[in-house]
Amino acid sequence: MNEKQYRLLKSAVAKKRCHLEQCIIIADGKLLGAEDCLENAWALASPYETALVTRISKK
């Protein structure tokens, strides 16, 4: 579920250029937020049993 949401979000990010070079957090199929710092991203993801934390890069 989180991977599917990531693929959808990644294409939207590429078009809008939002959240580039940020860590995004997805849990329960929803975008929880975007952080500049990986530690903050993991802190946001920690309450969830399954969360996806990844950095959106320009490539």
C-alpha atoms as a PDB file:
ATOM      1  CA  MET A   1       0.000   0.000   0.000  1.00  0.00           C
ATOM      2  CA  ASN A   2       2.751   2.474   0.915  1.00  0.00           C
ATOM      3  CA  GLU A   3       4.778   1.573  -2.183  1.00  0.00           C
ATOM      4  CA  LYS A   4       1.787   2.248  -4.448  1.00  0.00           C
ATOM      5  CA  GLN A   5       1.245   5.636  -2.818  1.00  0.00           C
ATOM      6  CA  TYR A   6       4.958   6.387  -3.215  1.00  0.00           C
ATOM      7  CA  ARG A   7       4.837   5.699  -6.968  1.00  0.00           C
ATOM      8  CA  LEU A   8       1.834   8.015  -7.341  1.00  0.00           C
ATOM      9  CA  LEU A   9       3.467  10.678  -5.212  1.00  0.00           C
ATOM     10  CA  LYS A  10       6.794  10.428  -7.020  1.00  0.00           C
ATOM     11  CA  SER A  11       5.215  11.261 -10.382  1.00  0.00           C
ATOM     12  CA  ALA A  12       3.291  14.178  -8.841  1.00  0.00           C
ATOM     13  CA  VAL A  13       6.483  15.468  -7.209  1.00  0.00           C
ATOM     14  CA  ALA A  14       8.318  15.325 -10.521  1.00  0.00           C
ATOM     15  CA  LYS A  15       5.610  17.426 -12.179  1.00  0.00           C
ATOM     16  CA  LYS A  16       5.165  19.975  -9.380  1.00  0.00           C
ATOM     17  CA  ARG A  17       8.777  19.983  -8.128  1.00  0.00           C
ATOM     18  CA  CYS A  18       7.569  19.985  -4.521  1.00  0.00           C
ATOM     19  CA  HIS A  19       9.358  17.961  -1.830  1.00  0.00           C
ATOM     20  CA  LEU A  20      12.481  17.597  -3.999  1.00  0.00           C
ATOM     21  CA  GLU A  21      15.524  16.676  -1.929  1.00  0.00           C
ATOM     22  CA  GLN A  22      13.305  16.085   1.122  1.00  0.00           C
ATOM     23  CA  CYS A  23      12.551  12.894   3.012  1.00  0.00           C
ATOM     24  CA  ILE A  24       8.926  11.917   2.663  1.00  0.00           C
ATOM     25  CA  ILE A  25       7.044   9.731   5.091  1.00  0.00           C
ATOM     26  CA  ILE A  26       4.184   7.487   3.964  1.00  0.00           C
ATOM     27  CA  ALA A  27       2.181   5.258   6.315  1.00  0.00           C
ATOM     28  CA  ASP A  28      -1.181   3.566   5.947  1.00  0.00           C
ATOM     29  CA  GLY A  29      -1.172   4.646   2.297  1.00  0.00           C
ATOM     30  CA  LYS A  30      -1.082   8.360   3.174  1.00  0.00           C
ATOM     31  CA  LEU A  31       1.585  11.021   2.994  1.00  0.00           C
ATOM     32  CA  LEU A  32       2.381  11.961   6.588  1.00  0.00           C
ATOM     33  CA  GLY A  33       4.813  14.712   5.760  1.00  0.00           C
ATOM     34  CA  ALA A  34       8.118  15.801   4.300  1.00  0.00           C
ATOM     35  CA  GLU A  35      11.221  16.689   6.274  1.00  0.00           C
ATOM     36  CA  ASP A  36      14.614  18.106   5.351  1.00  0.00           C
ATOM     37  CA  CYS A  37      16.324  16.002   8.009  1.00  0.00           C
ATOM     38  CA  LEU A  38      16.281  12.183   7.995  1.00  0.00           C
ATOM     39  CA  GLU A  39      16.184  12.034  11.798  1.00  0.00           C
ATOM     40  CA  ASN A  40      13.004  14.137  11.866  1.00  0.00           C
ATOM     41  CA  ALA A  41      11.470  11.933   9.190  1.00  0.00           C
ATOM     42  CA  TRP A  42      12.143   8.792  11.228  1.00  0.00           C
ATOM     43  CA  ALA A  43      10.710  10.449  14.327  1.00  0.00           C
ATOM     44  CA  LEU A  44       7.494  11.153  12.420  1.00  0.00           C
ATOM     45  CA  ALA A  45       7.374   7.566  11.124  1.00  0.00           C
ATOM     46  CA  SER A  46       8.204   5.849  14.432  1.00  0.00           C
ATOM     47  CA  PRO A  47       4.627   5.486  15.779  1.00  0.00           C
ATOM     48  CA  TYR A  48       3.648   3.433  12.713  1.00  0.00           C
ATOM     49  CA  GLU A  49       4.371  -0.271  12.386  1.00  0.00           C
ATOM     50  CA  THR A  50       4.930  -0.021   8.643  1.00  0.00           C
ATOM     51  CA  ALA A  51       6.075   3.281   7.235  1.00  0.00           C
ATOM     52  CA  LEU A  52       8.053   4.211   4.171  1.00  0.00           C
ATOM     53  CA  VAL A  53      10.734   6.870   4.533  1.00  0.00           C
ATOM     54  CA  THR A  54      12.606   7.889   1.406  1.00  0.00           C
ATOM     55  CA  ARG A  55      14.304  10.914  -0.113  1.00  0.00           C
ATOM     56  CA  ILE A  56      12.918  12.380  -3.331  1.00  0.00           C
ATOM     57  CA  SER A  57      15.835  13.392  -5.510  1.00  0.00           C
ATOM     58  CA  LYS A  58      15.983  15.365  -8.750  1.00  0.00           C
ATOM     59  CA  LYS A  59      16.936  12.278 -10.780  1.00  0.00           C
END
